[in-house]
Amino acid sequence: IDITGEEVPVLDGSAARFVFLLQRAGIVLQDAPKRFIRVLKTVELREGEGAQLKWARLAPHEGYKLSFEIEFNHPALDATGQHYTFDFDAGQYKRDIARARTFGFSKDVDTMRARGLGLGGSMDNVIVIDDNRVLNAEGLRYDDEFVKHKILDAIGDMRVAGRTLLAAYTAFKGGHALNNRLLRKLLADPTAWEEVTFEREADAPRGLAELAPAW
């Protein structure tokens, strides 16, 4: 994948169009077993106290599942699902997660643009929320799109490791920065993980053995 700009294009604010393009390009199986990072012991990061508390955790799990809980104390977000668990063993990424768009608050737009951020953002690629409601005319793609986008973010953040994890990821009010520090903490401890392969597809966890269905 070649990118000539300074960042990956936002497209529609979700991963759906990237999934479409990857599927259109096609998948070729390599003559080598896929490598995974298996989490061997729980690694956790916690920040803040009381209402400011947020945390993220990676724990041993023979498969890959992610759970996230949001808490914004905002009427538009509170009216949607606050918690979601996605398990690659049973779910379908393309159907359940990939279409969840990024979101932001209208009150933050001017501040971000003054800093040179979010210049390509619009209602075509961001769920925009004012003090009370979602402003996008078409509404939400999922009843719990906000928390599902957090799951989407976490999948990408964990993939920075260079391998798919065999782990259970759980987070409360986390984000990119916390996820990155959690992953760095895991990789910095050689007793907390190991790299593994499965010579036979039948030995790999369900949902991770075959590439095409997962996407």
N, C-alpha and C. Protein backbone atom coordinates (compact mmCIF):
# COMPACT_ATOMS: atom_id res chain seq x y z
N ILE A 1 0.86 -1.18 0.00
CA ILE A 1 0.00 0.00 0.00
C ILE A 1 0.89 1.22 0.00
N ASP A 2 0.74 2.08 -0.99
CA ASP A 2 1.54 3.30 -1.10
C ASP A 2 0.68 4.50 -0.74
N ILE A 3 1.20 5.37 0.12
CA ILE A 3 0.52 6.59 0.53
C ILE A 3 1.43 7.77 0.22
N THR A 4 0.94 8.73 -0.55
CA THR A 4 1.76 9.88 -0.93
C THR A 4 1.54 11.07 -0.01
N GLY A 5 0.50 11.05 0.81
CA GLY A 5 0.23 12.14 1.74
C GLY A 5 0.85 11.88 3.10
N GLU A 6 0.56 12.77 4.05
CA GLU A 6 1.13 12.64 5.38
C GLU A 6 0.34 11.69 6.28
N GLU A 7 -0.88 11.33 5.89
CA GLU A 7 -1.67 10.42 6.68
C GLU A 7 -2.58 9.61 5.78
N VAL A 8 -3.11 8.54 6.33
CA VAL A 8 -4.02 7.67 5.58
C VAL A 8 -5.32 8.43 5.32
N PRO A 9 -5.86 8.39 4.10
CA PRO A 9 -7.13 9.09 3.82
C PRO A 9 -8.25 8.60 4.73
N VAL A 10 -9.12 9.52 5.14
CA VAL A 10 -10.20 9.17 6.05
C VAL A 10 -11.34 8.44 5.33
N LEU A 11 -11.45 8.64 4.03
CA LEU A 11 -12.55 8.05 3.24
C LEU A 11 -13.89 8.35 3.92
N ASP A 12 -14.65 7.35 4.34
CA ASP A 12 -15.95 7.64 4.96
C ASP A 12 -15.89 7.64 6.48
N GLY A 13 -14.68 7.62 7.05
CA GLY A 13 -14.55 7.66 8.50
C GLY A 13 -14.60 6.31 9.18
N SER A 14 -14.74 5.25 8.38
CA SER A 14 -14.75 3.89 8.93
C SER A 14 -13.71 3.07 8.18
N ALA A 15 -13.73 1.75 8.40
CA ALA A 15 -12.82 0.87 7.69
C ALA A 15 -13.48 0.19 6.51
N ALA A 16 -14.76 0.46 6.27
CA ALA A 16 -15.53 -0.30 5.28
C ALA A 16 -14.94 -0.20 3.88
N ARG A 17 -14.54 0.99 3.46
CA ARG A 17 -14.02 1.13 2.10
C ARG A 17 -12.64 0.50 1.96
N PHE A 18 -11.87 0.49 3.01
CA PHE A 18 -10.58 -0.19 2.97
C PHE A 18 -10.80 -1.70 2.83
N VAL A 19 -11.78 -2.23 3.55
CA VAL A 19 -12.11 -3.65 3.45
C VAL A 19 -12.52 -3.98 2.02
N PHE A 20 -13.36 -3.13 1.44
CA PHE A 20 -13.81 -3.34 0.06
C PHE A 20 -12.61 -3.38 -0.89
N LEU A 21 -11.69 -2.43 -0.74
CA LEU A 21 -10.54 -2.37 -1.64
C LEU A 21 -9.61 -3.57 -1.46
N LEU A 22 -9.43 -4.02 -0.21
CA LEU A 22 -8.61 -5.20 0.04
C LEU A 22 -9.24 -6.44 -0.58
N GLN A 23 -10.56 -6.56 -0.42
CA GLN A 23 -11.25 -7.70 -1.01
C GLN A 23 -11.18 -7.66 -2.53
N ARG A 24 -11.30 -6.46 -3.08
CA ARG A 24 -11.25 -6.32 -4.54
C ARG A 24 -9.87 -6.67 -5.07
N ALA A 25 -8.82 -6.29 -4.32
CA ALA A 25 -7.46 -6.63 -4.74
C ALA A 25 -7.23 -8.13 -4.68
N GLY A 26 -7.88 -8.79 -3.72
CA GLY A 26 -7.74 -10.24 -3.58
C GLY A 26 -6.75 -10.64 -2.51
N ILE A 27 -6.89 -11.84 -2.03
CA ILE A 27 -6.03 -12.39 -0.98
C ILE A 27 -5.29 -13.59 -1.54
N VAL A 28 -3.98 -13.58 -1.40
CA VAL A 28 -3.15 -14.69 -1.84
C VAL A 28 -2.49 -15.32 -0.61
N LEU A 29 -2.71 -16.59 -0.42
CA LEU A 29 -2.14 -17.27 0.74
C LEU A 29 -0.65 -17.52 0.50
N GLN A 30 0.16 -17.22 1.51
CA GLN A 30 1.59 -17.44 1.42
C GLN A 30 1.93 -18.86 1.87
N ASP A 31 3.05 -19.33 1.41
CA ASP A 31 3.48 -20.68 1.76
C ASP A 31 4.27 -20.66 3.07
N ALA A 32 3.63 -20.15 4.10
CA ALA A 32 4.25 -20.06 5.43
C ALA A 32 3.14 -19.87 6.44
N PRO A 33 3.30 -20.42 7.64
CA PRO A 33 2.26 -20.25 8.66
C PRO A 33 2.20 -18.81 9.16
N LYS A 34 1.00 -18.34 9.44
CA LYS A 34 0.82 -17.00 10.00
C LYS A 34 1.36 -16.97 11.43
N ARG A 35 1.98 -15.86 11.80
CA ARG A 35 2.55 -15.72 13.13
C ARG A 35 1.66 -14.84 14.01
N PHE A 36 1.50 -15.24 15.25
CA PHE A 36 0.66 -14.54 16.21
C PHE A 36 1.48 -14.16 17.44
N ILE A 37 1.01 -13.15 18.16
CA ILE A 37 1.56 -12.83 19.48
C ILE A 37 0.56 -13.34 20.53
N ARG A 38 0.99 -14.34 21.29
CA ARG A 38 0.13 -14.90 22.34
C ARG A 38 0.46 -14.22 23.67
N VAL A 39 -0.54 -13.60 24.28
CA VAL A 39 -0.35 -12.97 25.59
C VAL A 39 -0.33 -14.06 26.66
N LEU A 40 0.70 -14.04 27.49
CA LEU A 40 0.90 -15.09 28.50
C LEU A 40 0.45 -14.67 29.89
N LYS A 41 0.44 -13.37 30.16
CA LYS A 41 -0.02 -12.91 31.47
C LYS A 41 -0.67 -11.54 31.30
N THR A 42 -1.51 -11.19 32.24
CA THR A 42 -2.29 -9.96 32.14
C THR A 42 -1.40 -8.73 32.28
N VAL A 43 -1.61 -7.79 31.39
CA VAL A 43 -0.93 -6.50 31.42
C VAL A 43 -2.01 -5.42 31.43
N GLU A 44 -1.89 -4.45 32.32
CA GLU A 44 -2.95 -3.45 32.47
C GLU A 44 -2.35 -2.07 32.71
N LEU A 45 -3.04 -1.06 32.21
CA LEU A 45 -2.71 0.33 32.49
C LEU A 45 -3.95 1.05 32.98
N ARG A 46 -3.79 1.84 34.04
CA ARG A 46 -4.89 2.63 34.60
C ARG A 46 -4.43 4.08 34.74
N GLU A 47 -5.33 5.00 34.42
CA GLU A 47 -5.03 6.42 34.53
C GLU A 47 -6.20 7.14 35.19
N GLY A 48 -5.88 8.14 36.02
CA GLY A 48 -6.91 8.95 36.65
C GLY A 48 -7.62 8.25 37.79
N GLU A 49 -8.51 9.00 38.43
CA GLU A 49 -9.30 8.48 39.54
C GLU A 49 -10.73 8.98 39.42
N GLY A 50 -11.65 8.27 40.06
CA GLY A 50 -13.04 8.71 40.07
C GLY A 50 -13.61 8.85 38.67
N ALA A 51 -14.22 9.99 38.38
CA ALA A 51 -14.84 10.23 37.08
C ALA A 51 -13.81 10.30 35.96
N GLN A 52 -12.55 10.51 36.31
CA GLN A 52 -11.48 10.62 35.30
C GLN A 52 -10.80 9.28 35.03
N LEU A 53 -11.22 8.23 35.71
CA LEU A 53 -10.57 6.94 35.55
C LEU A 53 -10.78 6.37 34.15
N LYS A 54 -9.71 5.86 33.57
CA LYS A 54 -9.79 5.09 32.34
C LYS A 54 -8.71 4.00 32.42
N TRP A 55 -8.99 2.88 31.77
CA TRP A 55 -8.04 1.78 31.84
C TRP A 55 -8.16 0.88 30.62
N ALA A 56 -7.10 0.11 30.39
CA ALA A 56 -7.09 -0.88 29.30
C ALA A 56 -6.27 -2.07 29.75
N ARG A 57 -6.64 -3.25 29.26
CA ARG A 57 -6.01 -4.48 29.74
C ARG A 57 -5.91 -5.50 28.61
N LEU A 58 -4.82 -6.25 28.60
CA LEU A 58 -4.66 -7.42 27.74
C LEU A 58 -4.47 -8.63 28.64
N ALA A 59 -5.25 -9.68 28.40
CA ALA A 59 -5.19 -10.88 29.22
C ALA A 59 -5.07 -12.11 28.32
N PRO A 60 -4.55 -13.21 28.85
CA PRO A 60 -4.44 -14.44 28.04
C PRO A 60 -5.81 -14.91 27.55
N HIS A 61 -5.85 -15.35 26.30
CA HIS A 61 -7.08 -15.87 25.70
C HIS A 61 -6.70 -16.61 24.43
N GLU A 62 -7.19 -17.81 24.27
CA GLU A 62 -6.85 -18.59 23.08
C GLU A 62 -7.82 -18.23 21.96
N GLY A 63 -7.60 -17.09 21.39
CA GLY A 63 -8.44 -16.49 20.37
C GLY A 63 -8.19 -15.00 20.43
N TYR A 64 -9.12 -14.23 19.91
CA TYR A 64 -8.96 -12.78 19.95
C TYR A 64 -10.33 -12.14 20.13
N LYS A 65 -10.52 -11.48 21.27
CA LYS A 65 -11.77 -10.77 21.49
C LYS A 65 -11.46 -9.43 22.15
N LEU A 66 -12.34 -8.47 21.88
CA LEU A 66 -12.15 -7.11 22.37
C LEU A 66 -13.45 -6.62 22.99
N SER A 67 -13.34 -6.04 24.19
CA SER A 67 -14.50 -5.48 24.88
C SER A 67 -14.21 -4.03 25.23
N PHE A 68 -15.20 -3.17 25.03
CA PHE A 68 -15.00 -1.75 25.30
C PHE A 68 -16.26 -1.18 25.93
N GLU A 69 -16.05 -0.27 26.88
CA GLU A 69 -17.17 0.46 27.48
C GLU A 69 -16.87 1.95 27.41
N ILE A 70 -17.86 2.72 26.94
CA ILE A 70 -17.71 4.17 26.86
C ILE A 70 -18.55 4.84 27.94
N GLU A 71 -18.20 6.07 28.27
CA GLU A 71 -18.96 6.86 29.24
C GLU A 71 -18.68 8.33 28.96
N PHE A 72 -19.58 8.97 28.22
CA PHE A 72 -19.38 10.36 27.84
C PHE A 72 -20.30 11.33 28.59
N ASN A 73 -21.34 10.80 29.26
CA ASN A 73 -22.32 11.65 29.93
C ASN A 73 -22.86 12.71 28.97
N HIS A 74 -23.28 12.24 27.82
CA HIS A 74 -23.81 13.11 26.77
C HIS A 74 -25.11 12.47 26.27
N PRO A 75 -26.19 13.24 26.13
CA PRO A 75 -27.48 12.64 25.78
C PRO A 75 -27.49 11.82 24.50
N ALA A 76 -26.77 12.27 23.47
CA ALA A 76 -26.77 11.55 22.20
C ALA A 76 -26.02 10.23 22.30
N LEU A 77 -24.91 10.24 23.03
CA LEU A 77 -24.13 9.01 23.19
C LEU A 77 -24.75 8.08 24.23
N ASP A 78 -25.32 8.65 25.28
CA ASP A 78 -25.92 7.83 26.33
C ASP A 78 -27.14 7.06 25.82
N ALA A 79 -27.74 7.54 24.73
CA ALA A 79 -28.92 6.88 24.18
C ALA A 79 -28.56 5.65 23.34
N THR A 80 -27.27 5.43 23.14
CA THR A 80 -26.81 4.28 22.35
C THR A 80 -26.15 3.26 23.26
N GLY A 81 -25.75 2.13 22.67
CA GLY A 81 -25.07 1.10 23.44
C GLY A 81 -23.77 1.60 24.02
N GLN A 82 -23.53 1.31 25.28
CA GLN A 82 -22.33 1.79 25.98
C GLN A 82 -21.24 0.73 26.07
N HIS A 83 -21.58 -0.51 25.83
CA HIS A 83 -20.62 -1.60 25.96
C HIS A 83 -20.80 -2.57 24.81
N TYR A 84 -19.66 -3.06 24.30
CA TYR A 84 -19.74 -4.04 23.22
C TYR A 84 -18.53 -4.96 23.30
N THR A 85 -18.77 -6.23 22.99
CA THR A 85 -17.70 -7.22 22.90
C THR A 85 -17.73 -7.84 21.52
N PHE A 86 -16.57 -7.81 20.87
CA PHE A 86 -16.45 -8.45 19.56
C PHE A 86 -15.45 -9.58 19.66
N ASP A 87 -15.87 -10.77 19.26
CA ASP A 87 -15.04 -11.95 19.31
C ASP A 87 -14.80 -12.45 17.89
N PHE A 88 -13.54 -12.46 17.46
CA PHE A 88 -13.24 -12.93 16.11
C PHE A 88 -13.64 -14.39 15.93
N ASP A 89 -13.84 -15.10 17.02
CA ASP A 89 -14.23 -16.50 16.97
C ASP A 89 -15.66 -16.66 16.45
N ALA A 90 -16.51 -15.67 16.72
CA ALA A 90 -17.92 -15.82 16.38
C ALA A 90 -18.46 -14.70 15.50
N GLY A 91 -17.86 -13.51 15.57
CA GLY A 91 -18.39 -12.37 14.84
C GLY A 91 -17.81 -12.24 13.45
N GLN A 92 -18.31 -11.28 12.71
CA GLN A 92 -17.81 -10.96 11.38
C GLN A 92 -17.38 -9.50 11.38
N TYR A 93 -16.09 -9.28 11.23
CA TYR A 93 -15.54 -7.93 11.28
C TYR A 93 -16.21 -7.00 10.27
N LYS A 94 -16.34 -7.46 9.05
CA LYS A 94 -16.92 -6.61 8.00
C LYS A 94 -18.35 -6.21 8.34
N ARG A 95 -19.12 -7.13 8.85
CA ARG A 95 -20.53 -6.87 9.17
C ARG A 95 -20.71 -6.13 10.48
N ASP A 96 -19.93 -6.49 11.50
CA ASP A 96 -20.20 -6.03 12.86
C ASP A 96 -19.41 -4.79 13.28
N ILE A 97 -18.23 -4.57 12.68
CA ILE A 97 -17.32 -3.53 13.18
C ILE A 97 -16.89 -2.52 12.11
N ALA A 98 -16.55 -3.00 10.94
CA ALA A 98 -15.85 -2.19 9.94
C ALA A 98 -16.58 -0.91 9.55
N ARG A 99 -17.91 -0.89 9.60
CA ARG A 99 -18.67 0.27 9.13
C ARG A 99 -18.82 1.37 10.18
N ALA A 100 -18.32 1.14 11.38
CA ALA A 100 -18.47 2.13 12.46
C ALA A 100 -17.55 3.32 12.22
N ARG A 101 -18.15 4.53 12.12
CA ARG A 101 -17.39 5.74 11.79
C ARG A 101 -16.84 6.45 13.01
N THR A 102 -15.80 7.22 12.77
CA THR A 102 -15.27 8.08 13.82
C THR A 102 -16.29 9.16 14.16
N PHE A 103 -16.17 9.76 15.33
CA PHE A 103 -17.15 10.77 15.75
C PHE A 103 -16.45 11.91 16.46
N GLY A 104 -17.12 13.05 16.48
CA GLY A 104 -16.56 14.23 17.12
C GLY A 104 -17.65 15.22 17.47
N PHE A 105 -17.29 16.21 18.28
CA PHE A 105 -18.25 17.20 18.77
C PHE A 105 -18.10 18.51 18.00
N SER A 106 -19.22 19.07 17.61
CA SER A 106 -19.19 20.30 16.81
C SER A 106 -18.46 21.43 17.54
N LYS A 107 -18.53 21.47 18.86
CA LYS A 107 -17.88 22.53 19.63
C LYS A 107 -16.35 22.47 19.53
N ASP A 108 -15.81 21.29 19.14
CA ASP A 108 -14.36 21.14 19.07
C ASP A 108 -13.79 21.44 17.69
N VAL A 109 -14.67 21.63 16.69
CA VAL A 109 -14.22 21.77 15.31
C VAL A 109 -13.30 22.98 15.13
N ASP A 110 -13.73 24.14 15.61
CA ASP A 110 -12.93 25.36 15.42
C ASP A 110 -11.56 25.24 16.08
N THR A 111 -11.52 24.65 17.28
CA THR A 111 -10.25 24.49 17.98
C THR A 111 -9.31 23.58 17.21
N MET A 112 -9.84 22.46 16.70
CA MET A 112 -9.02 21.52 15.96
C MET A 112 -8.46 22.15 14.68
N ARG A 113 -9.31 22.86 13.96
CA ARG A 113 -8.87 23.43 12.68
C ARG A 113 -7.86 24.55 12.89
N ALA A 114 -7.96 25.24 14.02
CA ALA A 114 -6.97 26.26 14.33
C ALA A 114 -5.59 25.64 14.56
N ARG A 115 -5.58 24.37 14.92
CA ARG A 115 -4.32 23.65 15.14
C ARG A 115 -3.89 22.87 13.91
N GLY A 116 -4.65 23.02 12.81
CA GLY A 116 -4.32 22.30 11.59
C GLY A 116 -4.77 20.86 11.59
N LEU A 117 -5.71 20.51 12.47
CA LEU A 117 -6.21 19.14 12.59
C LEU A 117 -7.62 19.04 12.02
N GLY A 118 -7.96 17.85 11.56
CA GLY A 118 -9.32 17.59 11.09
C GLY A 118 -9.74 18.41 9.90
N LEU A 119 -8.78 18.82 9.06
CA LEU A 119 -9.11 19.71 7.95
C LEU A 119 -9.97 19.03 6.89
N GLY A 120 -9.87 17.71 6.81
CA GLY A 120 -10.68 16.98 5.83
C GLY A 120 -11.97 16.45 6.40
N GLY A 121 -12.25 16.77 7.66
CA GLY A 121 -13.44 16.25 8.30
C GLY A 121 -14.71 16.94 7.86
N SER A 122 -15.77 16.17 7.69
CA SER A 122 -17.09 16.69 7.33
C SER A 122 -18.12 15.64 7.73
N MET A 123 -19.38 15.92 7.51
CA MET A 123 -20.42 14.95 7.84
C MET A 123 -20.41 13.77 6.88
N ASP A 124 -19.57 13.83 5.85
CA ASP A 124 -19.41 12.69 4.95
C ASP A 124 -18.50 11.62 5.55
N ASN A 125 -17.72 12.00 6.57
CA ASN A 125 -16.78 11.03 7.11
C ASN A 125 -16.65 11.08 8.64
N VAL A 126 -17.49 11.86 9.29
CA VAL A 126 -17.47 11.96 10.75
C VAL A 126 -18.90 12.04 11.27
N ILE A 127 -19.20 11.33 12.34
CA ILE A 127 -20.46 11.54 13.04
C ILE A 127 -20.29 12.79 13.89
N VAL A 128 -21.05 13.82 13.60
CA VAL A 128 -20.91 15.10 14.30
C VAL A 128 -22.03 15.23 15.32
N ILE A 129 -21.66 15.62 16.54
CA ILE A 129 -22.61 15.68 17.65
C ILE A 129 -22.58 17.08 18.24
N ASP A 130 -23.75 17.68 18.43
CA ASP A 130 -23.80 18.97 19.13
C ASP A 130 -24.10 18.71 20.60
N ASP A 131 -24.66 19.65 21.29
CA ASP A 131 -24.89 19.48 22.73
C ASP A 131 -25.95 18.44 23.05
N ASN A 132 -26.77 18.08 22.05
CA ASN A 132 -27.89 17.19 22.36
C ASN A 132 -28.08 16.01 21.42
N ARG A 133 -27.62 16.13 20.18
CA ARG A 133 -28.00 15.11 19.20
C ARG A 133 -26.94 14.93 18.12
N VAL A 134 -27.15 13.85 17.34
CA VAL A 134 -26.34 13.60 16.16
C VAL A 134 -26.85 14.48 15.03
N LEU A 135 -25.94 15.19 14.38
CA LEU A 135 -26.34 16.15 13.33
C LEU A 135 -26.43 15.52 11.95
N ASN A 136 -25.81 14.39 11.73
CA ASN A 136 -25.83 13.76 10.41
C ASN A 136 -27.25 13.35 10.04
N ALA A 137 -27.69 13.75 8.85
CA ALA A 137 -29.07 13.52 8.43
C ALA A 137 -29.41 12.04 8.38
N GLU A 138 -28.44 11.19 8.01
CA GLU A 138 -28.73 9.76 7.86
C GLU A 138 -28.69 9.01 9.19
N GLY A 139 -28.29 9.67 10.27
CA GLY A 139 -28.24 9.01 11.57
C GLY A 139 -27.08 8.05 11.69
N LEU A 140 -27.27 7.03 12.52
CA LEU A 140 -26.20 6.07 12.82
C LEU A 140 -26.33 4.80 11.99
N ARG A 141 -25.22 4.16 11.73
CA ARG A 141 -25.21 2.90 11.00
C ARG A 141 -25.51 1.71 11.91
N TYR A 142 -25.12 1.82 13.16
CA TYR A 142 -25.42 0.82 14.18
C TYR A 142 -26.04 1.54 15.37
N ASP A 143 -26.87 0.84 16.14
CA ASP A 143 -27.41 1.44 17.36
C ASP A 143 -26.31 1.73 18.38
N ASP A 144 -25.19 1.04 18.24
CA ASP A 144 -24.06 1.22 19.15
C ASP A 144 -22.80 1.58 18.36
N GLU A 145 -22.96 2.47 17.38
CA GLU A 145 -21.84 2.80 16.49
C GLU A 145 -20.67 3.44 17.22
N PHE A 146 -20.93 4.24 18.25
CA PHE A 146 -19.86 4.93 18.96
C PHE A 146 -18.91 3.93 19.62
N VAL A 147 -19.45 3.01 20.38
CA VAL A 147 -18.58 2.05 21.07
C VAL A 147 -17.96 1.07 20.08
N LYS A 148 -18.66 0.79 18.98
CA LYS A 148 -18.07 -0.09 17.97
C LYS A 148 -16.90 0.57 17.28
N HIS A 149 -16.94 1.89 17.12
CA HIS A 149 -15.78 2.56 16.53
C HIS A 149 -14.60 2.48 17.48
N LYS A 150 -14.85 2.51 18.77
CA LYS A 150 -13.77 2.35 19.74
C LYS A 150 -13.13 0.96 19.62
N ILE A 151 -13.95 -0.05 19.34
CA ILE A 151 -13.43 -1.40 19.09
C ILE A 151 -12.58 -1.39 17.82
N LEU A 152 -13.08 -0.72 16.78
CA LEU A 152 -12.34 -0.61 15.52
C LEU A 152 -10.99 0.06 15.76
N ASP A 153 -10.99 1.15 16.52
CA ASP A 153 -9.73 1.83 16.87
C ASP A 153 -8.77 0.87 17.56
N ALA A 154 -9.29 0.12 18.53
CA ALA A 154 -8.43 -0.78 19.31
C ALA A 154 -7.83 -1.88 18.44
N ILE A 155 -8.60 -2.41 17.50
CA ILE A 155 -8.07 -3.43 16.60
C ILE A 155 -6.87 -2.87 15.84
N GLY A 156 -7.01 -1.65 15.33
CA GLY A 156 -5.90 -1.02 14.62
C GLY A 156 -4.72 -0.72 15.53
N ASP A 157 -5.00 -0.22 16.72
CA ASP A 157 -3.93 0.11 17.67
C ASP A 157 -3.13 -1.13 18.06
N MET A 158 -3.80 -2.24 18.28
CA MET A 158 -3.10 -3.47 18.67
C MET A 158 -2.32 -4.06 17.50
N ARG A 159 -2.77 -3.78 16.27
CA ARG A 159 -2.09 -4.35 15.09
C ARG A 159 -0.74 -3.70 14.85
N VAL A 160 -0.46 -2.59 15.53
CA VAL A 160 0.86 -1.97 15.44
C VAL A 160 1.94 -2.94 15.91
N ALA A 161 1.57 -3.94 16.67
CA ALA A 161 2.52 -4.95 17.12
C ALA A 161 3.12 -5.74 15.97
N GLY A 162 2.46 -5.70 14.81
CA GLY A 162 2.97 -6.41 13.64
C GLY A 162 2.44 -7.82 13.51
N ARG A 163 1.70 -8.27 14.48
CA ARG A 163 1.10 -9.61 14.47
C ARG A 163 -0.30 -9.51 15.05
N THR A 164 -1.17 -10.42 14.66
CA THR A 164 -2.47 -10.52 15.30
C THR A 164 -2.28 -11.08 16.71
N LEU A 165 -3.00 -10.52 17.67
CA LEU A 165 -2.87 -10.99 19.05
C LEU A 165 -3.74 -12.21 19.31
N LEU A 166 -3.28 -13.04 20.19
CA LEU A 166 -4.11 -14.05 20.83
C LEU A 166 -4.29 -13.55 22.26
N ALA A 167 -5.40 -12.87 22.50
CA ALA A 167 -5.57 -12.17 23.77
C ALA A 167 -7.01 -11.73 23.92
N ALA A 168 -7.34 -11.33 25.14
CA ALA A 168 -8.61 -10.66 25.44
C ALA A 168 -8.27 -9.22 25.81
N TYR A 169 -8.72 -8.29 24.99
CA TYR A 169 -8.52 -6.86 25.25
C TYR A 169 -9.79 -6.31 25.89
N THR A 170 -9.63 -5.56 26.97
CA THR A 170 -10.77 -4.93 27.65
C THR A 170 -10.38 -3.51 27.99
N ALA A 171 -11.30 -2.56 27.78
CA ALA A 171 -10.98 -1.17 28.07
C ALA A 171 -12.21 -0.41 28.53
N PHE A 172 -11.95 0.62 29.32
CA PHE A 172 -12.99 1.53 29.80
C PHE A 172 -12.52 2.95 29.54
N LYS A 173 -13.22 3.67 28.66
CA LYS A 173 -12.93 5.08 28.36
C LYS A 173 -11.51 5.28 27.83
N GLY A 174 -10.94 4.28 27.20
CA GLY A 174 -9.59 4.40 26.68
C GLY A 174 -9.57 5.10 25.33
N GLY A 175 -8.38 5.12 24.72
CA GLY A 175 -8.20 5.75 23.42
C GLY A 175 -6.87 5.34 22.82
N HIS A 176 -6.51 5.99 21.71
CA HIS A 176 -5.29 5.62 20.99
C HIS A 176 -4.04 5.68 21.88
N ALA A 177 -3.89 6.77 22.63
CA ALA A 177 -2.67 6.94 23.43
C ALA A 177 -2.55 5.86 24.49
N LEU A 178 -3.64 5.58 25.19
CA LEU A 178 -3.61 4.55 26.23
C LEU A 178 -3.35 3.18 25.61
N ASN A 179 -3.98 2.91 24.46
CA ASN A 179 -3.75 1.63 23.78
C ASN A 179 -2.29 1.47 23.39
N ASN A 180 -1.68 2.53 22.89
CA ASN A 180 -0.28 2.45 22.47
C ASN A 180 0.63 2.17 23.66
N ARG A 181 0.36 2.84 24.78
CA ARG A 181 1.18 2.60 25.97
C ARG A 181 0.97 1.18 26.51
N LEU A 182 -0.25 0.68 26.41
CA LEU A 182 -0.52 -0.70 26.85
C LEU A 182 0.27 -1.69 26.00
N LEU A 183 0.25 -1.50 24.69
CA LEU A 183 0.97 -2.40 23.80
C LEU A 183 2.48 -2.33 24.05
N ARG A 184 2.99 -1.12 24.27
CA ARG A 184 4.41 -0.98 24.57
C ARG A 184 4.78 -1.68 25.89
N LYS A 185 3.89 -1.59 26.87
CA LYS A 185 4.14 -2.26 28.15
C LYS A 185 4.18 -3.77 27.95
N LEU A 186 3.27 -4.29 27.14
CA LEU A 186 3.27 -5.73 26.86
C LEU A 186 4.58 -6.16 26.20
N LEU A 187 4.95 -5.49 25.12
CA LEU A 187 6.12 -5.90 24.34
C LEU A 187 7.43 -5.70 25.11
N ALA A 188 7.41 -4.78 26.07
CA ALA A 188 8.62 -4.53 26.86
C ALA A 188 8.90 -5.63 27.87
N ASP A 189 7.92 -6.49 28.12
CA ASP A 189 8.06 -7.57 29.10
C ASP A 189 8.13 -8.91 28.35
N PRO A 190 9.31 -9.45 28.14
CA PRO A 190 9.43 -10.70 27.37
C PRO A 190 8.77 -11.89 28.02
N THR A 191 8.41 -11.78 29.30
CA THR A 191 7.71 -12.88 29.96
C THR A 191 6.20 -12.81 29.77
N ALA A 192 5.72 -11.72 29.16
CA ALA A 192 4.28 -11.51 29.03
C ALA A 192 3.71 -12.00 27.70
N TRP A 193 4.59 -12.38 26.77
CA TRP A 193 4.10 -12.80 25.45
C TRP A 193 5.09 -13.73 24.77
N GLU A 194 4.60 -14.40 23.74
CA GLU A 194 5.44 -15.23 22.90
C GLU A 194 4.89 -15.22 21.48
N GLU A 195 5.76 -15.44 20.52
CA GLU A 195 5.31 -15.53 19.14
C GLU A 195 5.05 -16.99 18.82
N VAL A 196 3.90 -17.27 18.21
CA VAL A 196 3.52 -18.64 17.91
C VAL A 196 3.00 -18.75 16.49
N THR A 197 3.06 -19.96 15.95
CA THR A 197 2.46 -20.28 14.66
C THR A 197 1.66 -21.56 14.81
N PHE A 198 0.82 -21.81 13.83
CA PHE A 198 0.04 -23.04 13.80
C PHE A 198 0.30 -23.70 12.45
N GLU A 199 0.99 -24.82 12.48
CA GLU A 199 1.34 -25.50 11.23
C GLU A 199 0.08 -25.99 10.50
N ARG A 200 -0.93 -26.36 11.28
CA ARG A 200 -2.17 -26.84 10.68
C ARG A 200 -3.28 -25.82 10.96
N GLU A 201 -4.05 -25.51 9.94
CA GLU A 201 -5.15 -24.54 10.09
C GLU A 201 -6.11 -24.98 11.19
N ALA A 202 -6.31 -26.27 11.32
CA ALA A 202 -7.27 -26.80 12.30
C ALA A 202 -6.83 -26.50 13.74
N ASP A 203 -5.55 -26.23 13.94
CA ASP A 203 -5.05 -25.96 15.29
C ASP A 203 -5.20 -24.50 15.69
N ALA A 204 -5.43 -23.62 14.74
CA ALA A 204 -5.56 -22.19 15.02
C ALA A 204 -6.94 -21.88 15.57
N PRO A 205 -7.08 -20.84 16.38
CA PRO A 205 -8.39 -20.45 16.90
C PRO A 205 -9.37 -20.14 15.77
N ARG A 206 -10.62 -20.49 15.97
CA ARG A 206 -11.65 -20.18 14.98
C ARG A 206 -11.69 -18.67 14.73
N GLY A 207 -11.95 -18.30 13.48
CA GLY A 207 -12.05 -16.89 13.14
C GLY A 207 -10.72 -16.25 12.80
N LEU A 208 -9.62 -16.93 13.10
CA LEU A 208 -8.30 -16.41 12.79
C LEU A 208 -7.56 -17.27 11.78
N ALA A 209 -8.04 -18.47 11.55
CA ALA A 209 -7.36 -19.40 10.65
C ALA A 209 -7.55 -19.01 9.19
N GLU A 210 -8.76 -18.60 8.82
CA GLU A 210 -9.06 -18.26 7.43
C GLU A 210 -9.12 -16.75 7.28
N LEU A 211 -8.43 -16.22 6.29
CA LEU A 211 -8.37 -14.77 6.13
C LEU A 211 -9.65 -14.20 5.56
N ALA A 212 -10.15 -14.77 4.50
CA ALA A 212 -11.26 -14.15 3.77
C ALA A 212 -12.53 -13.98 4.62
N PRO A 213 -13.00 -15.01 5.35
CA PRO A 213 -14.23 -14.82 6.15
C PRO A 213 -14.10 -13.72 7.20
N ALA A 214 -12.90 -13.57 7.78
CA ALA A 214 -12.71 -12.57 8.82
C ALA A 214 -12.85 -11.15 8.28
N TRP A 215 -12.57 -11.00 6.98
CA TRP A 215 -12.64 -9.66 6.40
C TRP A 215 -13.94 -9.43 5.67
